[in-house]
C-alpha atoms as a PDB file:
ATOM      1  CA  MET A   1      -6.044  14.496 -39.760  1.00  0.00           C
ATOM      2  CA  SER A   2      -4.754  11.281 -38.206  1.00  0.00           C
ATOM      3  CA  ARG A   3      -5.431   9.572 -35.577  1.00  0.00           C
ATOM      4  CA  ASN A   4      -3.391   9.750 -32.321  1.00  0.00           C
ATOM      5  CA  ASN A   5      -0.938   6.310 -32.070  1.00  0.00           C
ATOM      6  CA  HIS A   6      -1.107   6.354 -28.197  1.00  0.00           C
ATOM      7  CA  GLY A   7      -2.990   3.205 -26.326  1.00  0.00           C
ATOM      8  CA  SER A   8      -5.635   5.167 -25.398  1.00  0.00           C
ATOM      9  CA  HIS A   9      -6.814   5.580 -28.849  1.00  0.00           C
ATOM     10  CA  ALA A  10      -6.712   1.664 -29.641  1.00  0.00           C
ATOM     11  CA  ARG A  11      -9.864   0.324 -31.476  1.00  0.00           C
ATOM     12  CA  ILE A  12     -10.909  -3.230 -32.060  1.00  0.00           C
ATOM     13  CA  GLY A  13      -8.632  -4.390 -35.091  1.00  0.00           C
ATOM     14  CA  ASP A  14      -5.608  -2.156 -34.749  1.00  0.00           C
ATOM     15  CA  LEU A  15      -2.361  -3.462 -34.460  1.00  0.00           C
ATOM     16  CA  VAL A  16      -0.316  -2.588 -31.506  1.00  0.00           C
ATOM     17  CA  GLU A  17       3.041  -2.935 -30.014  1.00  0.00           C
ATOM     18  CA  VAL A  18       4.013  -3.493 -26.176  1.00  0.00           C
ATOM     19  CA  LEU A  19       5.820  -1.048 -24.561  1.00  0.00           C
ATOM     20  CA  ASN A  20       7.497  -1.388 -21.293  1.00  0.00           C
ATOM     21  CA  PRO A  21       6.874   0.891 -18.140  1.00  0.00           C
ATOM     22  CA  GLN A  22      10.273   2.409 -19.381  1.00  0.00           C
ATOM     23  CA  GLY A  23       8.129   3.564 -22.820  1.00  0.00           C
ATOM     24  CA  GLN A  24      10.645   1.617 -24.778  1.00  0.00           C
ATOM     25  CA  PRO A  25       9.180  -0.662 -27.667  1.00  0.00           C
ATOM     26  CA  THR A  26       9.427  -4.486 -26.532  1.00  0.00           C
ATOM     27  CA  GLY A  27       9.640  -6.188 -30.713  1.00  0.00           C
ATOM     28  CA  ILE A  28       5.869  -7.710 -29.504  1.00  0.00           C
ATOM     29  CA  THR A  29       3.060  -7.233 -31.417  1.00  0.00           C
ATOM     30  CA  GLY A  30      -0.458  -8.170 -31.456  1.00  0.00           C
ATOM     31  CA  LEU A  31      -3.965  -7.084 -32.490  1.00  0.00           C
ATOM     32  CA  VAL A  32      -6.537  -5.608 -30.066  1.00  0.00           C
ATOM     33  CA  SER A  33      -8.800  -8.160 -29.707  1.00  0.00           C
ATOM     34  CA  GLN A  34     -11.576  -6.648 -26.885  1.00  0.00           C
ATOM     35  CA  ILE A  35     -11.334  -3.624 -24.765  1.00  0.00           C
ATOM     36  CA  VAL A  36     -11.934  -3.750 -21.106  1.00  0.00           C
ATOM     37  CA  ASN A  37     -12.929  -0.992 -18.753  1.00  0.00           C
ATOM     38  CA  ARG A  38     -12.942  -0.502 -15.591  1.00  0.00           C
ATOM     39  CA  LYS A  39     -14.651   1.302 -12.853  1.00  0.00           C
ATOM     40  CA  PRO A  40     -13.501   2.505  -9.949  1.00  0.00           C
ATOM     41  CA  LEU A  41     -13.682  -0.298  -7.155  1.00  0.00           C
ATOM     42  CA  GLY A  42     -16.135   1.317  -4.000  1.00  0.00           C
ATOM     43  CA  ASP A  43     -15.346   3.783  -1.291  1.00  0.00           C
ATOM     44  CA  PHE A  44     -11.392   2.879  -0.855  1.00  0.00           C
ATOM     45  CA  ASP A  45     -10.848   3.785  -4.594  1.00  0.00           C
ATOM     46  CA  ASP A  46     -11.635   7.132  -4.445  1.00  0.00           C
ATOM     47  CA  HIS A  47      -9.576   8.745  -7.669  1.00  0.00           C
ATOM     48  CA  GLY A  48     -12.297   7.962  -9.298  1.00  0.00           C
ATOM     49  CA  ILE A  49     -10.404   7.225 -12.699  1.00  0.00           C
ATOM     50  CA  HIS A  50     -12.053   4.770 -14.947  1.00  0.00           C
ATOM     51  CA  MET A  51      -8.851   2.341 -16.403  1.00  0.00           C
ATOM     52  CA  ARG A  52      -8.902   0.888 -19.830  1.00  0.00           C
ATOM     53  CA  PHE A  53      -7.263  -2.529 -20.319  1.00  0.00           C
ATOM     54  CA  LEU A  54      -6.655  -4.008 -24.091  1.00  0.00           C
ATOM     55  CA  VAL A  55      -6.652  -7.675 -24.771  1.00  0.00           C
ATOM     56  CA  VAL A  56      -3.963  -8.166 -27.290  1.00  0.00           C
ATOM     57  CA  THR A  57      -3.306 -11.042 -29.670  1.00  0.00           C
ATOM     58  CA  GLY A  58      -0.521 -13.500 -28.678  1.00  0.00           C
ATOM     59  CA  VAL A  59      -0.398 -11.768 -25.189  1.00  0.00           C
ATOM     60  CA  GLN A  60      -1.257 -13.480 -22.032  1.00  0.00           C
ATOM     61  CA  GLY A  61      -3.950 -11.217 -19.768  1.00  0.00           C
ATOM     62  CA  ARG A  62      -5.033  -7.864 -19.730  1.00  0.00           C
ATOM     63  CA  ILE A  63      -2.516  -4.628 -20.768  1.00  0.00           C
ATOM     64  CA  LYS A  64      -3.308  -1.524 -19.473  1.00  0.00           C
ATOM     65  CA  ASP A  65      -3.823   0.942 -22.644  1.00  0.00           C
ATOM     66  CA  SER A  66      -0.870   3.232 -21.619  1.00  0.00           C
ATOM     67  CA  TYR A  67       1.667   0.539 -22.327  1.00  0.00           C
ATOM     68  CA  VAL A  68       1.080  -0.051 -26.062  1.00  0.00           C
ATOM     69  CA  VAL A  69       1.472   2.190 -29.434  1.00  0.00           C
ATOM     70  CA  ILE A  70      -0.852   1.992 -32.242  1.00  0.00           C
ATOM     71  CA  ARG A  71       1.630   0.733 -35.542  1.00  0.00           C
ATOM     72  CA  SER A  72      -1.403   0.215 -37.732  1.00  0.00           C
ATOM     73  CA  PHE A  73      -4.840   1.297 -37.612  1.00  0.00           C
ATOM     74  CA  ARG A  74      -8.206  -0.749 -38.596  1.00  0.00           C
END
């Protein structure tokens, strides 16, 4: 069985391509170098959903995992 290529399944070392908010490829690719999990922020953040961000080489800042697609698995 092959791995799912959605960004929520990305691991450190995977080659990913950044998507725009409409889900279209931007042509920007890089390796996942770090995974950052953000927990809900106290009482005012009541949705209780942990957010997952990826640090990708060649891209400044963190990217929400739903805005990438895996192109090559580690």
